[in-house]
Amino acid sequence: MSATLGAHRDILDKKAFAHVATVGADGRPQVTPVWVEYDGLHVVFNTAEGRVKTRNLQRDARVAIAVQDPDNPYRYVQVRGRVAEITPQGADAHIDKMAKKYLGQDRYPGRKPGEVRVIVKVEPDRVQTMG
């Protein structure tokens, strides 16, 4: 089942930070802030191989993402779904695109030597909104 963001889709086009919740190996939740966008089908974010959220999502594809409207803190969207894809293909260009959106910089300044970036695509199953 796929859900849509409806009238709250615009939040993901803004410079709004998302909080991604994954399930740890011990079953406890883990939450991380990320830069996010929507490609019309998936909520998309970028991370690096070896990070806790990446390991959690490779083991358990369930994820929840909450994004608050930076222009109205009482308006938000929560997406629950599953990871449809984790891929390094295009991830370096994608993190630069996100750096432009969030930092106004052409290149992501946080690159670390040898780091492998990945794109995570989440297919929404349920969408909850407020405001």
N, C-alpha and C. Protein backbone atom coordinates (compact mmCIF):
# COMPACT_ATOMS: atom_id res chain seq x y z
N MET A 1 0.85 -1.17 0.00
CA MET A 1 0.00 0.00 0.00
C MET A 1 0.90 1.24 0.00
N SER A 2 0.60 2.18 -0.86
CA SER A 2 1.36 3.41 -0.92
C SER A 2 0.46 4.57 -0.51
N ALA A 3 0.98 5.49 0.27
CA ALA A 3 0.22 6.65 0.74
C ALA A 3 0.79 7.91 0.10
N THR A 4 -0.01 8.96 0.05
CA THR A 4 0.45 10.21 -0.53
C THR A 4 0.54 11.29 0.53
N LEU A 5 1.33 12.32 0.23
CA LEU A 5 1.54 13.40 1.18
C LEU A 5 0.50 14.50 1.05
N GLY A 6 -0.24 14.52 -0.04
CA GLY A 6 -1.31 15.48 -0.23
C GLY A 6 -0.86 16.92 -0.07
N ALA A 7 -1.66 17.69 0.66
CA ALA A 7 -1.42 19.12 0.83
C ALA A 7 -0.18 19.43 1.67
N HIS A 8 0.43 18.42 2.27
CA HIS A 8 1.62 18.64 3.09
C HIS A 8 2.92 18.31 2.36
N ARG A 9 2.82 17.99 1.08
CA ARG A 9 4.00 17.68 0.28
C ARG A 9 5.00 18.83 0.29
N ASP A 10 4.51 20.07 0.32
CA ASP A 10 5.38 21.24 0.25
C ASP A 10 6.39 21.30 1.39
N ILE A 11 6.07 20.69 2.51
CA ILE A 11 7.01 20.71 3.65
C ILE A 11 8.33 20.09 3.24
N LEU A 12 8.27 19.03 2.43
CA LEU A 12 9.49 18.34 2.03
C LEU A 12 10.28 19.12 0.97
N ASP A 13 9.65 20.12 0.37
CA ASP A 13 10.36 20.97 -0.59
C ASP A 13 11.09 22.11 0.12
N LYS A 14 10.73 22.35 1.37
CA LYS A 14 11.34 23.43 2.15
C LYS A 14 12.65 22.97 2.79
N LYS A 15 13.35 23.92 3.35
CA LYS A 15 14.58 23.64 4.09
C LYS A 15 14.19 23.17 5.50
N ALA A 16 13.51 22.04 5.55
CA ALA A 16 12.99 21.48 6.79
C ALA A 16 13.76 20.21 7.14
N PHE A 17 14.22 20.14 8.37
CA PHE A 17 14.93 18.95 8.81
C PHE A 17 13.93 17.85 9.14
N ALA A 18 14.28 16.64 8.75
CA ALA A 18 13.46 15.47 9.06
C ALA A 18 14.12 14.70 10.20
N HIS A 19 13.31 13.99 10.96
CA HIS A 19 13.82 13.08 11.98
C HIS A 19 13.42 11.68 11.56
N VAL A 20 14.44 10.85 11.34
CA VAL A 20 14.25 9.49 10.87
C VAL A 20 14.38 8.53 12.04
N ALA A 21 13.35 7.72 12.25
CA ALA A 21 13.38 6.71 13.32
C ALA A 21 13.55 5.34 12.70
N THR A 22 14.56 4.61 13.17
CA THR A 22 14.82 3.24 12.74
C THR A 22 14.74 2.32 13.95
N VAL A 23 14.77 1.03 13.71
CA VAL A 23 14.70 0.03 14.77
C VAL A 23 16.09 -0.58 14.94
N GLY A 24 16.63 -0.46 16.15
CA GLY A 24 17.95 -1.01 16.43
C GLY A 24 17.93 -2.52 16.57
N ALA A 25 19.11 -3.11 16.60
CA ALA A 25 19.23 -4.57 16.71
C ALA A 25 18.58 -5.09 17.99
N ASP A 26 18.55 -4.24 19.03
CA ASP A 26 17.95 -4.64 20.30
C ASP A 26 16.46 -4.32 20.36
N GLY A 27 15.89 -3.81 19.24
CA GLY A 27 14.46 -3.52 19.18
C GLY A 27 14.09 -2.12 19.64
N ARG A 28 15.07 -1.37 20.13
CA ARG A 28 14.78 -0.01 20.59
C ARG A 28 14.86 0.97 19.42
N PRO A 29 14.08 2.05 19.48
CA PRO A 29 14.11 3.04 18.40
C PRO A 29 15.40 3.87 18.45
N GLN A 30 15.80 4.34 17.27
CA GLN A 30 16.95 5.22 17.12
C GLN A 30 16.50 6.35 16.19
N VAL A 31 16.75 7.60 16.56
CA VAL A 31 16.29 8.75 15.77
C VAL A 31 17.47 9.62 15.38
N THR A 32 17.46 10.06 14.13
CA THR A 32 18.53 10.90 13.59
C THR A 32 17.93 12.01 12.73
N PRO A 33 18.41 13.26 12.87
CA PRO A 33 17.97 14.31 11.96
C PRO A 33 18.69 14.16 10.62
N VAL A 34 17.97 14.40 9.53
CA VAL A 34 18.54 14.31 8.18
C VAL A 34 17.94 15.39 7.28
N TRP A 35 18.63 15.65 6.19
CA TRP A 35 18.09 16.47 5.10
C TRP A 35 17.21 15.55 4.27
N VAL A 36 16.14 16.07 3.73
CA VAL A 36 15.16 15.21 3.06
C VAL A 36 14.55 15.90 1.85
N GLU A 37 14.05 15.09 0.93
CA GLU A 37 13.28 15.58 -0.21
C GLU A 37 12.28 14.51 -0.61
N TYR A 38 11.39 14.87 -1.53
CA TYR A 38 10.37 13.94 -2.01
C TYR A 38 10.49 13.89 -3.53
N ASP A 39 10.57 12.69 -4.10
CA ASP A 39 10.73 12.54 -5.55
C ASP A 39 9.42 12.26 -6.27
N GLY A 40 8.30 12.39 -5.56
CA GLY A 40 7.00 12.11 -6.14
C GLY A 40 6.49 10.71 -5.81
N LEU A 41 7.38 9.84 -5.37
CA LEU A 41 7.03 8.49 -4.98
C LEU A 41 7.64 8.11 -3.63
N HIS A 42 8.86 8.58 -3.40
CA HIS A 42 9.61 8.22 -2.19
C HIS A 42 10.04 9.45 -1.42
N VAL A 43 10.13 9.31 -0.10
CA VAL A 43 10.84 10.27 0.72
C VAL A 43 12.30 9.83 0.64
N VAL A 44 13.18 10.78 0.32
CA VAL A 44 14.57 10.45 0.01
C VAL A 44 15.51 11.20 0.95
N PHE A 45 16.49 10.48 1.49
CA PHE A 45 17.55 11.14 2.25
C PHE A 45 18.87 10.46 1.94
N ASN A 46 19.95 11.09 2.38
CA ASN A 46 21.29 10.64 2.06
C ASN A 46 22.03 10.40 3.36
N THR A 47 22.81 9.35 3.41
CA THR A 47 23.61 9.04 4.58
C THR A 47 24.88 8.34 4.12
N ALA A 48 25.61 7.75 5.05
CA ALA A 48 26.85 7.06 4.70
C ALA A 48 26.79 5.62 5.17
N GLU A 49 27.49 4.77 4.43
CA GLU A 49 27.63 3.37 4.84
C GLU A 49 28.27 3.33 6.22
N GLY A 50 27.84 2.36 7.02
CA GLY A 50 28.44 2.15 8.33
C GLY A 50 27.79 2.92 9.47
N ARG A 51 26.95 3.88 9.16
CA ARG A 51 26.27 4.62 10.22
C ARG A 51 25.17 3.77 10.83
N VAL A 52 24.79 4.11 12.05
CA VAL A 52 23.80 3.30 12.78
C VAL A 52 22.50 3.20 11.99
N LYS A 53 21.98 4.30 11.47
CA LYS A 53 20.70 4.24 10.75
C LYS A 53 20.80 3.38 9.50
N THR A 54 21.95 3.44 8.83
CA THR A 54 22.15 2.61 7.63
C THR A 54 22.14 1.13 8.00
N ARG A 55 22.88 0.78 9.02
CA ARG A 55 22.90 -0.63 9.48
C ARG A 55 21.52 -1.07 9.92
N ASN A 56 20.80 -0.22 10.66
CA ASN A 56 19.46 -0.57 11.11
C ASN A 56 18.53 -0.82 9.92
N LEU A 57 18.58 0.06 8.92
CA LEU A 57 17.68 -0.07 7.76
C LEU A 57 18.04 -1.25 6.87
N GLN A 58 19.30 -1.63 6.83
CA GLN A 58 19.69 -2.82 6.06
C GLN A 58 19.19 -4.09 6.72
N ARG A 59 19.04 -4.06 8.05
CA ARG A 59 18.55 -5.21 8.80
C ARG A 59 17.03 -5.23 8.89
N ASP A 60 16.42 -4.03 9.04
CA ASP A 60 14.98 -3.92 9.24
C ASP A 60 14.52 -2.68 8.46
N ALA A 61 13.76 -2.89 7.40
CA ALA A 61 13.40 -1.82 6.47
C ALA A 61 12.33 -0.87 6.99
N ARG A 62 11.77 -1.14 8.16
CA ARG A 62 10.73 -0.26 8.70
C ARG A 62 11.33 1.07 9.15
N VAL A 63 10.61 2.16 8.84
CA VAL A 63 11.12 3.48 9.17
C VAL A 63 9.96 4.44 9.37
N ALA A 64 10.17 5.44 10.23
CA ALA A 64 9.23 6.54 10.39
C ALA A 64 10.02 7.83 10.22
N ILE A 65 9.40 8.80 9.55
CA ILE A 65 10.04 10.09 9.28
C ILE A 65 9.06 11.19 9.65
N ALA A 66 9.50 12.13 10.48
CA ALA A 66 8.67 13.27 10.85
C ALA A 66 9.37 14.54 10.38
N VAL A 67 8.59 15.43 9.73
CA VAL A 67 9.13 16.68 9.23
C VAL A 67 8.19 17.80 9.63
N GLN A 68 8.74 18.80 10.33
CA GLN A 68 7.97 19.94 10.81
C GLN A 68 8.15 21.10 9.84
N ASP A 69 7.07 21.79 9.54
CA ASP A 69 7.12 22.95 8.65
C ASP A 69 7.90 24.07 9.34
N PRO A 70 9.01 24.53 8.74
CA PRO A 70 9.79 25.58 9.39
C PRO A 70 9.05 26.93 9.47
N ASP A 71 8.01 27.09 8.66
CA ASP A 71 7.24 28.33 8.66
C ASP A 71 6.06 28.30 9.63
N ASN A 72 5.69 27.11 10.11
CA ASN A 72 4.56 26.94 11.02
C ASN A 72 4.81 25.69 11.87
N PRO A 73 5.34 25.83 13.07
CA PRO A 73 5.72 24.67 13.88
C PRO A 73 4.56 23.77 14.28
N TYR A 74 3.32 24.23 14.06
CA TYR A 74 2.15 23.39 14.38
C TYR A 74 1.69 22.58 13.18
N ARG A 75 2.43 22.65 12.09
CA ARG A 75 2.11 21.91 10.86
C ARG A 75 3.25 20.93 10.60
N TYR A 76 2.90 19.67 10.42
CA TYR A 76 3.94 18.67 10.17
C TYR A 76 3.37 17.51 9.36
N VAL A 77 4.29 16.68 8.90
CA VAL A 77 3.92 15.44 8.23
C VAL A 77 4.76 14.32 8.84
N GLN A 78 4.10 13.19 9.09
CA GLN A 78 4.80 11.99 9.54
C GLN A 78 4.55 10.91 8.50
N VAL A 79 5.61 10.26 8.09
CA VAL A 79 5.53 9.18 7.11
C VAL A 79 6.04 7.91 7.76
N ARG A 80 5.25 6.86 7.66
CA ARG A 80 5.70 5.54 8.08
C ARG A 80 5.73 4.66 6.84
N GLY A 81 6.78 3.89 6.72
CA GLY A 81 6.89 3.04 5.54
C GLY A 81 8.07 2.10 5.63
N ARG A 82 8.51 1.71 4.43
CA ARG A 82 9.61 0.77 4.31
C ARG A 82 10.62 1.31 3.31
N VAL A 83 11.86 0.95 3.54
CA VAL A 83 12.90 1.33 2.59
C VAL A 83 12.71 0.53 1.31
N ALA A 84 12.57 1.24 0.20
CA ALA A 84 12.43 0.61 -1.10
C ALA A 84 13.80 0.35 -1.72
N GLU A 85 14.78 1.21 -1.37
CA GLU A 85 16.11 1.08 -1.98
C GLU A 85 17.14 1.83 -1.13
N ILE A 86 18.31 1.23 -1.02
CA ILE A 86 19.50 1.90 -0.50
C ILE A 86 20.57 1.69 -1.56
N THR A 87 21.09 2.78 -2.13
CA THR A 87 22.03 2.65 -3.22
C THR A 87 23.12 3.73 -3.17
N PRO A 88 24.35 3.36 -3.52
CA PRO A 88 25.40 4.37 -3.65
C PRO A 88 25.34 5.10 -5.00
N GLN A 89 24.58 4.55 -5.93
CA GLN A 89 24.51 5.14 -7.27
C GLN A 89 23.90 6.54 -7.22
N GLY A 90 24.67 7.53 -7.62
CA GLY A 90 24.21 8.91 -7.64
C GLY A 90 24.24 9.61 -6.30
N ALA A 91 24.74 8.93 -5.26
CA ALA A 91 24.68 9.48 -3.89
C ALA A 91 25.59 10.68 -3.69
N ASP A 92 26.75 10.71 -4.33
CA ASP A 92 27.64 11.87 -4.18
C ASP A 92 27.01 13.12 -4.79
N ALA A 93 26.43 12.99 -5.96
CA ALA A 93 25.75 14.13 -6.58
C ALA A 93 24.53 14.54 -5.75
N HIS A 94 23.84 13.56 -5.19
CA HIS A 94 22.66 13.84 -4.38
C HIS A 94 23.00 14.63 -3.11
N ILE A 95 24.09 14.26 -2.43
CA ILE A 95 24.43 14.99 -1.20
C ILE A 95 24.85 16.42 -1.54
N ASP A 96 25.44 16.63 -2.72
CA ASP A 96 25.75 17.99 -3.16
C ASP A 96 24.46 18.77 -3.42
N LYS A 97 23.46 18.13 -4.02
CA LYS A 97 22.16 18.77 -4.26
C LYS A 97 21.52 19.15 -2.93
N MET A 98 21.61 18.28 -1.95
CA MET A 98 21.02 18.57 -0.64
C MET A 98 21.80 19.68 0.07
N ALA A 99 23.11 19.73 -0.10
CA ALA A 99 23.92 20.80 0.48
C ALA A 99 23.52 22.15 -0.11
N LYS A 100 23.17 22.16 -1.39
CA LYS A 100 22.71 23.39 -2.03
C LYS A 100 21.39 23.83 -1.40
N LYS A 101 20.48 22.89 -1.21
CA LYS A 101 19.17 23.19 -0.62
C LYS A 101 19.29 23.68 0.83
N TYR A 102 20.07 22.98 1.64
CA TYR A 102 20.11 23.25 3.07
C TYR A 102 21.20 24.25 3.50
N LEU A 103 22.31 24.30 2.76
CA LEU A 103 23.42 25.16 3.16
C LEU A 103 23.70 26.29 2.17
N GLY A 104 23.13 26.18 0.96
CA GLY A 104 23.43 27.16 -0.07
C GLY A 104 24.81 26.97 -0.67
N GLN A 105 25.39 25.78 -0.49
CA GLN A 105 26.73 25.47 -1.01
C GLN A 105 26.64 24.47 -2.13
N ASP A 106 27.52 24.60 -3.12
CA ASP A 106 27.50 23.71 -4.28
C ASP A 106 27.99 22.30 -3.96
N ARG A 107 28.86 22.19 -2.96
CA ARG A 107 29.39 20.88 -2.59
C ARG A 107 29.19 20.65 -1.10
N TYR A 108 28.91 19.41 -0.75
CA TYR A 108 28.73 19.02 0.64
C TYR A 108 30.08 19.14 1.37
N PRO A 109 30.16 20.00 2.39
CA PRO A 109 31.44 20.23 3.06
C PRO A 109 31.83 19.17 4.09
N GLY A 110 30.93 18.24 4.41
CA GLY A 110 31.21 17.26 5.45
C GLY A 110 31.78 15.94 4.97
N ARG A 111 32.21 15.90 3.72
CA ARG A 111 32.76 14.63 3.19
C ARG A 111 33.99 14.20 3.98
N LYS A 112 34.07 12.90 4.22
CA LYS A 112 35.22 12.33 4.90
C LYS A 112 35.94 11.41 3.92
N PRO A 113 37.26 11.37 3.98
CA PRO A 113 38.01 10.49 3.07
C PRO A 113 37.55 9.04 3.17
N GLY A 114 37.29 8.44 2.04
CA GLY A 114 36.88 7.04 1.99
C GLY A 114 35.42 6.78 2.31
N GLU A 115 34.68 7.82 2.64
CA GLU A 115 33.26 7.66 2.98
C GLU A 115 32.46 7.27 1.74
N VAL A 116 31.58 6.29 1.89
CA VAL A 116 30.69 5.88 0.81
C VAL A 116 29.29 6.39 1.15
N ARG A 117 28.80 7.34 0.35
CA ARG A 117 27.48 7.90 0.53
C ARG A 117 26.44 6.96 -0.09
N VAL A 118 25.24 6.95 0.48
CA VAL A 118 24.13 6.17 -0.08
C VAL A 118 22.86 7.00 -0.05
N ILE A 119 22.00 6.75 -1.02
CA ILE A 119 20.68 7.34 -1.06
C ILE A 119 19.71 6.31 -0.49
N VAL A 120 18.83 6.77 0.40
CA VAL A 120 17.80 5.91 0.98
C VAL A 120 16.45 6.41 0.47
N LYS A 121 15.69 5.51 -0.16
CA LYS A 121 14.36 5.84 -0.67
C LYS A 121 13.33 5.09 0.15
N VAL A 122 12.41 5.85 0.73
CA VAL A 122 11.38 5.28 1.60
C VAL A 122 10.03 5.38 0.91
N GLU A 123 9.36 4.24 0.78
CA GLU A 123 8.00 4.22 0.22
C GLU A 123 7.00 4.38 1.36
N PRO A 124 6.22 5.47 1.32
CA PRO A 124 5.25 5.69 2.41
C PRO A 124 4.13 4.65 2.40
N ASP A 125 3.83 4.10 3.57
CA ASP A 125 2.67 3.23 3.76
C ASP A 125 1.54 4.01 4.42
N ARG A 126 1.92 4.86 5.37
CA ARG A 126 0.95 5.68 6.10
C ARG A 126 1.48 7.09 6.22
N VAL A 127 0.61 8.05 6.04
CA VAL A 127 0.97 9.45 6.19
C VAL A 127 0.00 10.08 7.18
N GLN A 128 0.56 10.75 8.17
CA GLN A 128 -0.24 11.48 9.15
C GLN A 128 0.18 12.93 9.09
N THR A 129 -0.79 13.84 9.10
CA THR A 129 -0.48 15.27 9.01
C THR A 129 -1.20 16.04 10.08
N MET A 130 -0.69 17.22 10.34
CA MET A 130 -1.36 18.14 11.24
C MET A 130 -1.14 19.55 10.70
N GLY A 131 -2.15 20.37 10.84
CA GLY A 131 -2.04 21.78 10.47
C GLY A 131 -2.39 22.10 9.04
